[in-house]
């Protein structure tokens, strides 16, 4: 009797110069302890660095400079490592043939060299090693896209689509609203209404992923009675022209990252008013548009926020306060306070 074909394991997939591998179980996980965009990027890099022996009880070493990105300080790396070590997540697994939830830590113990050019030693916890070793579904993440996306919601949506994009008979999936909040990592008590979740998290994420990745994405609400209780995520691969447009958009996004790294966001002027990273201003917003560089400055200072939604909030707040002497400066000041009061 012929032996059944060997099942392809996630560990059999190999990272490349352009892409890295993330086990599917770590894509659709639910954060009990919220993480930031930087935390998620660094964690993906730690997984990639450990990949050749990620399911073995060994320690892994990586240069801190590889995790810093465009920042000169190691402070952010250390803070991310501490959050990842204390982070607990819920992972969907099978236990005795039945669906189950396994709670695990994302990162084990670590040792950080104090020199600026030092190394970081870290461990993958035993339960997580077992989950990764048994994984058979994964997402292949393009490195350039991962670093171009400007919010953790966009990065998570991108990972979700990359995990599912190559499924032959599937191009959509339905989630309860609560399940999607959990996977996206929305903090408890934040974005509790569908309208806020849609405008503050989902719409900006869909726009970025559709612009920068190989897929066009839609997130459609599904109602039970009069309330939105589920969403359906749909995706389809772009044609050659669409992929070319994504490559050009990535180049523009890289320019934006360099500007942020140099901390020159006060006078940012995009290449053209119709640059792909700046959506057209909706006609529904009252009042004369602000300067183009004001919108771009707001986008770079507060990545992940819908700048036009915040503008509409600002105009509603300022409606009975008289005309501002400098509307652009007033808007940016309002945006700063809004972001502090409503963190993503």
Protein backbone atom coordinates (compact mmCIF):
# COMPACT_ATOMS: atom_id res chain seq x y z
CA UNK A 1 0.00 0.00 0.00
CA UNK A 2 1.34 3.39 -0.98
CA UNK A 3 2.20 5.72 1.87
CA UNK A 4 0.05 8.87 2.15
CA UNK A 5 1.84 12.00 0.93
CA UNK A 6 3.77 13.82 3.63
CA UNK A 7 1.92 16.91 4.84
CA UNK A 8 3.74 20.16 4.14
CA UNK A 9 4.79 21.87 7.36
CA UNK A 10 5.29 25.57 7.96
CA UNK A 11 8.84 24.77 9.08
CA UNK A 12 9.55 23.49 5.54
CA UNK A 13 8.97 26.99 4.10
CA UNK A 14 12.07 29.14 3.79
CA UNK A 15 12.46 32.92 4.22
CA UNK A 16 14.10 34.82 1.39
CA UNK A 17 15.84 38.15 0.94
CA UNK A 18 12.47 39.73 0.10
CA UNK A 19 10.10 37.85 2.41
CA UNK A 20 9.76 36.11 5.75
CA UNK A 21 7.51 33.34 7.08
CA UNK A 22 4.94 33.63 9.86
CA UNK A 23 3.01 30.58 11.12
CA UNK A 24 -0.71 30.93 10.56
CA UNK A 25 -1.45 30.34 14.24
CA UNK A 26 0.51 33.53 15.06
CA UNK A 27 -1.45 35.54 12.48
CA UNK A 28 -4.96 35.01 13.82
CA UNK A 29 -3.98 35.15 17.48
CA UNK A 30 -5.80 37.33 20.01
CA UNK A 31 -3.70 39.70 22.10
CA UNK A 32 -4.54 39.62 25.79
CA UNK A 33 -1.77 42.18 26.25
CA UNK A 34 -1.91 44.85 23.49
CA UNK A 35 1.16 45.33 21.30
CA UNK A 36 2.26 48.24 19.11
CA UNK A 37 3.14 48.32 15.42
CA UNK A 38 6.85 48.38 16.33
CA UNK A 39 6.39 45.38 18.65
CA UNK A 40 4.76 43.37 15.87
CA UNK A 41 7.46 44.22 13.34
CA UNK A 42 10.25 43.34 15.78
CA UNK A 43 8.54 40.07 16.68
CA UNK A 44 8.34 39.08 13.01
CA UNK A 45 12.06 39.78 12.71
CA UNK A 46 12.81 37.69 15.81
CA UNK A 47 10.84 34.78 14.34
CA UNK A 48 12.71 35.06 11.06
CA UNK A 49 16.09 35.21 12.77
CA UNK A 50 15.30 32.07 14.79
CA UNK A 51 13.67 30.20 11.91
CA UNK A 52 16.28 27.50 11.27
CA UNK A 53 15.99 26.24 14.87
CA UNK A 54 12.76 27.87 16.02
CA UNK A 55 11.20 24.60 17.21
CA UNK A 56 14.28 23.58 19.23
CA UNK A 57 15.13 24.45 22.88
CA UNK A 58 18.00 26.77 22.04
CA UNK A 59 18.73 30.48 22.44
CA UNK A 60 18.90 32.83 19.46
CA UNK A 61 21.07 35.90 18.94
CA UNK A 62 20.45 38.98 16.81
CA UNK A 63 22.14 42.37 16.50
CA UNK A 64 20.10 45.15 18.06
CA UNK A 65 20.90 47.30 15.04
CA UNK A 66 18.84 44.89 12.90
CA UNK A 67 15.77 45.67 15.01
CA UNK A 68 16.19 49.44 15.32
CA UNK A 69 15.05 50.27 11.82
CA UNK A 70 15.54 53.98 11.17
CA UNK A 71 15.90 54.90 14.87
CA UNK A 72 19.30 55.69 16.37
CA UNK A 73 18.33 54.64 19.90
CA UNK A 74 17.98 51.14 21.31
CA UNK A 75 15.38 52.33 23.84
CA UNK A 76 12.47 51.41 21.61
CA UNK A 77 13.92 47.95 21.00
CA UNK A 78 14.24 47.30 24.73
CA UNK A 79 10.70 48.49 25.40
CA UNK A 80 9.35 46.24 22.65
CA UNK A 81 11.26 43.23 23.99
CA UNK A 82 9.79 43.80 27.46
CA UNK A 83 6.26 44.07 26.07
CA UNK A 84 6.75 40.92 24.00
CA UNK A 85 8.09 39.02 27.02
CA UNK A 86 5.06 40.01 29.09
CA UNK A 87 2.56 39.56 26.25
CA UNK A 88 0.04 36.73 26.55
CA UNK A 89 -1.92 35.70 23.49
CA UNK A 90 -4.71 33.24 22.73
CA UNK A 91 -4.00 30.85 19.86
CA UNK A 92 -6.57 28.62 18.15
CA UNK A 93 -5.33 25.02 18.23
CA UNK A 94 -6.63 21.46 18.19
CA UNK A 95 -6.56 19.47 21.43
CA UNK A 96 -7.47 15.77 21.28
CA UNK A 97 -9.06 16.42 17.89
CA UNK A 98 -11.25 19.25 19.17
CA UNK A 99 -10.93 23.05 18.70
CA UNK A 100 -9.27 24.70 21.70
CA UNK A 101 -7.68 27.95 22.86
CA UNK A 102 -4.09 27.83 24.04
CA UNK A 103 -2.70 30.77 26.04
CA UNK A 104 1.02 31.33 25.55
CA UNK A 105 3.73 33.93 25.99
CA UNK A 106 5.21 35.29 22.78
CA UNK A 107 8.79 35.55 23.99
CA UNK A 108 10.89 33.88 26.66
CA UNK A 109 13.86 35.25 28.59
CA UNK A 110 16.38 37.60 26.99
CA UNK A 111 19.78 39.16 27.56
CA UNK A 112 20.57 42.55 26.01
CA UNK A 113 24.08 43.88 25.57
CA UNK A 114 24.35 47.47 26.75
CA UNK A 115 26.53 48.69 23.89
CA UNK A 116 24.78 50.54 21.11
CA UNK A 117 26.09 47.96 18.63
CA UNK A 118 25.41 45.08 21.03
CA UNK A 119 23.50 41.85 20.63
CA UNK A 120 20.20 40.51 21.92
CA UNK A 121 19.86 36.89 23.07
CA UNK A 122 16.33 35.50 23.38
CA UNK A 123 14.28 32.31 23.70
CA UNK A 124 11.06 31.00 22.16
CA UNK A 125 8.82 29.55 24.94
CA UNK A 126 8.28 25.73 24.88
CA UNK A 127 4.50 25.82 24.24
CA UNK A 128 4.99 28.22 21.36
CA UNK A 129 7.77 26.04 19.88
CA UNK A 130 5.33 23.14 19.83
CA UNK A 131 2.63 25.22 18.10
CA UNK A 132 5.10 26.38 15.46
CA UNK A 133 6.47 22.86 14.98
CA UNK A 134 2.94 21.51 14.32
CA UNK A 135 1.91 24.38 12.05
CA UNK A 136 0.89 23.61 8.45
CA UNK A 137 -0.44 27.02 7.36
CA UNK A 138 1.63 30.18 7.09
CA UNK A 139 1.76 33.70 5.72
CA UNK A 140 4.62 34.85 3.51
CA UNK A 141 5.21 38.51 4.33
CA UNK A 142 6.99 40.85 1.95
CA UNK A 143 9.58 42.69 4.01
CA UNK A 144 9.13 45.98 2.16
CA UNK A 145 5.37 45.96 2.65
CA UNK A 146 5.69 45.11 6.35
CA UNK A 147 7.86 48.17 6.97
CA UNK A 148 5.75 50.48 4.79
CA UNK A 149 2.43 49.86 6.56
CA UNK A 150 1.81 52.61 9.10
CA UNK A 151 -0.47 51.00 11.71
CA UNK A 152 -0.69 47.72 13.56
CA UNK A 153 -4.20 47.27 12.15
CA UNK A 154 -2.87 47.49 8.59
CA UNK A 155 -0.02 45.08 9.35
CA UNK A 156 -2.41 42.56 10.94
CA UNK A 157 -4.88 42.78 8.04
CA UNK A 158 -1.98 42.29 5.61
CA UNK A 159 -0.85 39.18 7.50
CA UNK A 160 -4.42 37.81 7.51
CA UNK A 161 -4.70 38.22 3.73
CA UNK A 162 -1.24 36.77 3.07
CA UNK A 163 -2.18 33.70 5.11
CA UNK A 164 -5.33 33.17 3.03
CA UNK A 165 -4.40 34.58 -0.37
CA UNK A 166 -3.18 31.33 -1.94
CA UNK A 167 -6.17 29.23 -0.88
CA UNK A 168 -7.51 27.79 -4.12
CA UNK A 169 -11.23 27.65 -3.31
CA UNK A 170 -11.57 30.56 -0.94
CA UNK A 171 -11.57 34.33 -1.49
CA UNK A 172 -13.52 35.55 1.55
CA UNK A 173 -14.02 34.77 5.22
CA UNK A 174 -16.52 35.92 7.82
CA UNK A 175 -15.60 36.99 11.36
CA UNK A 176 -17.67 38.14 14.30
CA UNK A 177 -17.01 41.77 15.15
CA UNK A 178 -15.58 40.74 18.51
CA UNK A 179 -13.26 38.17 16.92
CA UNK A 180 -11.94 40.76 14.46
CA UNK A 181 -11.33 43.25 17.28
CA UNK A 182 -9.34 40.60 19.10
CA UNK A 183 -7.21 39.67 16.10
CA UNK A 184 -6.54 43.32 15.22
CA UNK A 185 -5.48 43.97 18.81
CA UNK A 186 -7.97 46.77 19.53
CA UNK A 187 -7.48 47.73 23.21
CA UNK A 188 -10.41 46.97 25.50
CA UNK A 189 -12.85 49.85 25.74
CA UNK A 190 -11.59 51.44 22.50
CA UNK A 191 -13.43 51.67 19.17
CA UNK A 192 -16.47 50.01 20.70
CA UNK A 193 -18.95 51.12 18.03
CA UNK A 194 -18.91 49.80 14.47
CA UNK A 195 -18.65 53.32 13.03
CA UNK A 196 -15.53 54.13 15.09
CA UNK A 197 -13.95 50.76 14.36
CA UNK A 198 -14.65 51.18 10.66
CA UNK A 199 -13.37 54.77 10.37
CA UNK A 200 -10.43 54.57 12.77
CA UNK A 201 -9.09 51.08 12.11
CA UNK A 202 -10.66 49.14 9.26
CA UNK A 203 -10.93 51.73 6.47
CA UNK A 204 -7.35 53.07 6.85
CA UNK A 205 -6.01 49.50 7.05
CA UNK A 206 -7.95 48.36 3.97
CA UNK A 207 -6.74 51.40 2.01
CA UNK A 208 -3.08 50.78 2.88
CA UNK A 209 -3.11 47.03 2.28
CA UNK A 210 -4.94 47.45 -1.03
CA UNK A 211 -2.46 50.12 -2.09
CA UNK A 212 0.83 48.53 -1.05
CA UNK A 213 0.33 44.75 -1.29
CA UNK A 214 -0.37 42.29 -4.10
CA UNK A 215 -4.03 42.04 -3.08
CA UNK A 216 -7.09 44.24 -3.18
CA UNK A 217 -9.04 43.91 0.06
CA UNK A 218 -12.60 44.69 1.11
CA UNK A 219 -14.18 44.47 4.56
CA UNK A 220 -17.99 44.43 4.35
CA UNK A 221 -20.30 44.70 7.38
CA UNK A 222 -22.85 41.95 7.99
CA UNK A 223 -25.93 42.83 10.05
CA UNK A 224 -28.04 40.77 12.39
CA UNK A 225 -31.26 42.73 12.59
CA UNK A 226 -30.21 46.39 12.63
CA UNK A 227 -26.79 45.90 14.20
CA UNK A 228 -23.47 45.01 12.60
CA UNK A 229 -22.40 41.75 14.25
CA UNK A 230 -20.01 40.28 11.65
CA UNK A 231 -17.71 41.38 8.86
CA UNK A 232 -16.73 39.59 5.68
CA UNK A 233 -13.15 40.04 4.50
CA UNK A 234 -12.72 39.59 0.73
CA UNK A 235 -9.49 39.57 -1.23
CA UNK A 236 -8.30 39.09 -4.79
CA UNK A 237 -4.87 39.22 -6.35
CA UNK A 238 -3.98 42.24 -8.49
CA UNK A 239 -3.15 41.97 -12.16
CA UNK A 240 0.18 43.12 -13.60
CA UNK A 241 -0.84 46.78 -13.75
CA UNK A 242 -2.07 46.68 -10.15
CA UNK A 243 1.16 45.11 -8.92
CA UNK A 244 3.17 47.76 -10.76
CA UNK A 245 1.14 50.49 -9.05
CA UNK A 246 1.81 48.83 -5.68
CA UNK A 247 5.55 48.84 -6.35
CA UNK A 248 5.43 52.58 -7.14
CA UNK A 249 3.38 53.21 -3.99
CA UNK A 250 5.98 51.34 -1.95
CA UNK A 251 8.68 53.67 -3.25
CA UNK A 252 6.62 56.65 -2.13
CA UNK A 253 6.07 55.02 1.27
CA UNK A 254 9.84 54.53 1.63
CA UNK A 255 10.33 58.26 1.07
CA UNK A 256 7.82 58.96 3.83
CA UNK A 257 9.71 56.67 6.21
CA UNK A 258 12.96 58.48 5.52
CA UNK A 259 11.28 61.79 6.27
CA UNK A 260 10.00 60.47 9.59
CA UNK A 261 13.40 59.07 10.47
CA UNK A 262 14.96 62.50 9.95
CA UNK A 263 12.20 64.05 12.07
CA UNK A 264 11.36 66.59 9.37
CA UNK A 265 7.61 66.44 9.40
CA UNK A 266 6.90 70.15 9.92
CA UNK A 267 7.18 71.04 6.23
CA UNK A 268 6.51 67.87 4.29
CA UNK A 269 5.49 68.44 0.69
CA UNK A 270 4.45 65.33 -1.29
CA UNK A 271 5.58 64.81 -4.85
CA UNK A 272 2.13 65.74 -6.14
CA UNK A 273 -1.28 66.51 -4.63
CA UNK A 274 -2.56 63.19 -5.93
CA UNK A 275 0.24 61.12 -4.37
CA UNK A 276 -1.15 57.66 -3.67
CA UNK A 277 -0.63 57.76 0.11
CA UNK A 278 -2.98 60.75 0.52
CA UNK A 279 -6.61 59.98 -0.27
CA UNK A 280 -8.86 62.66 -1.79
CA UNK A 281 -10.63 64.76 0.82
CA UNK A 282 -14.30 63.68 1.14
CA UNK A 283 -16.82 66.22 -0.10
CA UNK A 284 -18.91 65.74 3.04
CA UNK A 285 -16.39 67.68 5.20
CA UNK A 286 -17.50 71.28 5.66
CA UNK A 287 -15.17 74.23 5.25
CA UNK A 288 -12.29 75.05 2.94
CA UNK A 289 -9.56 72.37 2.69
CA UNK A 290 -6.37 72.88 4.68
CA UNK A 291 -2.96 73.02 3.05
CA UNK A 292 -1.82 69.79 1.42
CA UNK A 293 1.34 69.79 3.55
CA UNK A 294 -0.82 70.03 6.68
CA UNK A 295 -2.62 66.80 5.81
CA UNK A 296 0.67 65.10 4.99
CA UNK A 297 2.22 66.32 8.24
CA UNK A 298 -0.76 64.96 10.17
CA UNK A 299 -0.48 61.61 8.36
CA UNK A 300 3.22 61.27 9.17
CA UNK A 301 2.90 62.42 12.78
CA UNK A 302 -0.05 60.16 13.53
CA UNK A 303 0.17 57.05 11.32
CA UNK A 304 -2.88 54.83 11.32
CA UNK A 305 -5.44 57.57 11.93
CA UNK A 306 -7.99 58.68 9.33
CA UNK A 307 -6.92 62.31 8.96
CA UNK A 308 -10.20 63.37 7.37
CA UNK A 309 -12.25 61.81 10.15
CA UNK A 310 -10.17 63.77 12.67
CA UNK A 311 -10.66 66.90 10.58
CA UNK A 312 -14.43 66.45 10.73
CA UNK A 313 -14.18 66.01 14.52
CA UNK A 314 -12.08 69.19 14.76
CA UNK A 315 -14.49 71.22 12.67
CA UNK A 316 -17.46 70.03 14.76
CA UNK A 317 -15.58 70.94 17.96
CA UNK A 318 -14.55 74.37 16.63
CA UNK A 319 -17.91 75.23 15.09
CA UNK A 320 -18.99 77.62 17.88
CA UNK A 321 -15.51 78.88 18.76
CA UNK A 322 -15.01 81.36 15.95
CA UNK A 323 -12.59 81.23 13.04
CA UNK A 324 -9.02 80.25 13.95
CA UNK A 325 -6.24 82.68 13.03
CA UNK A 326 -4.15 79.80 11.72
CA UNK A 327 -6.46 76.86 10.85
CA UNK A 328 -3.58 74.58 9.86
CA UNK A 329 -1.75 75.03 13.14
CA UNK A 330 -5.02 74.74 15.08
CA UNK A 331 -5.86 71.47 13.33
CA UNK A 332 -2.45 69.94 14.08
CA UNK A 333 -2.74 70.99 17.74
CA UNK A 334 -6.22 69.42 17.93
CA UNK A 335 -4.93 66.26 16.21
CA UNK A 336 -2.19 65.87 18.84
CA UNK A 337 -4.69 66.04 21.72
CA UNK A 338 -7.13 63.77 19.84
CA UNK A 339 -4.45 61.10 19.33
CA UNK A 340 -3.41 61.29 23.00
CA UNK A 341 -7.03 60.84 24.10
CA UNK A 342 -7.77 58.12 21.52
CA UNK A 343 -4.65 55.96 21.13
CA UNK A 344 -4.67 53.28 18.46
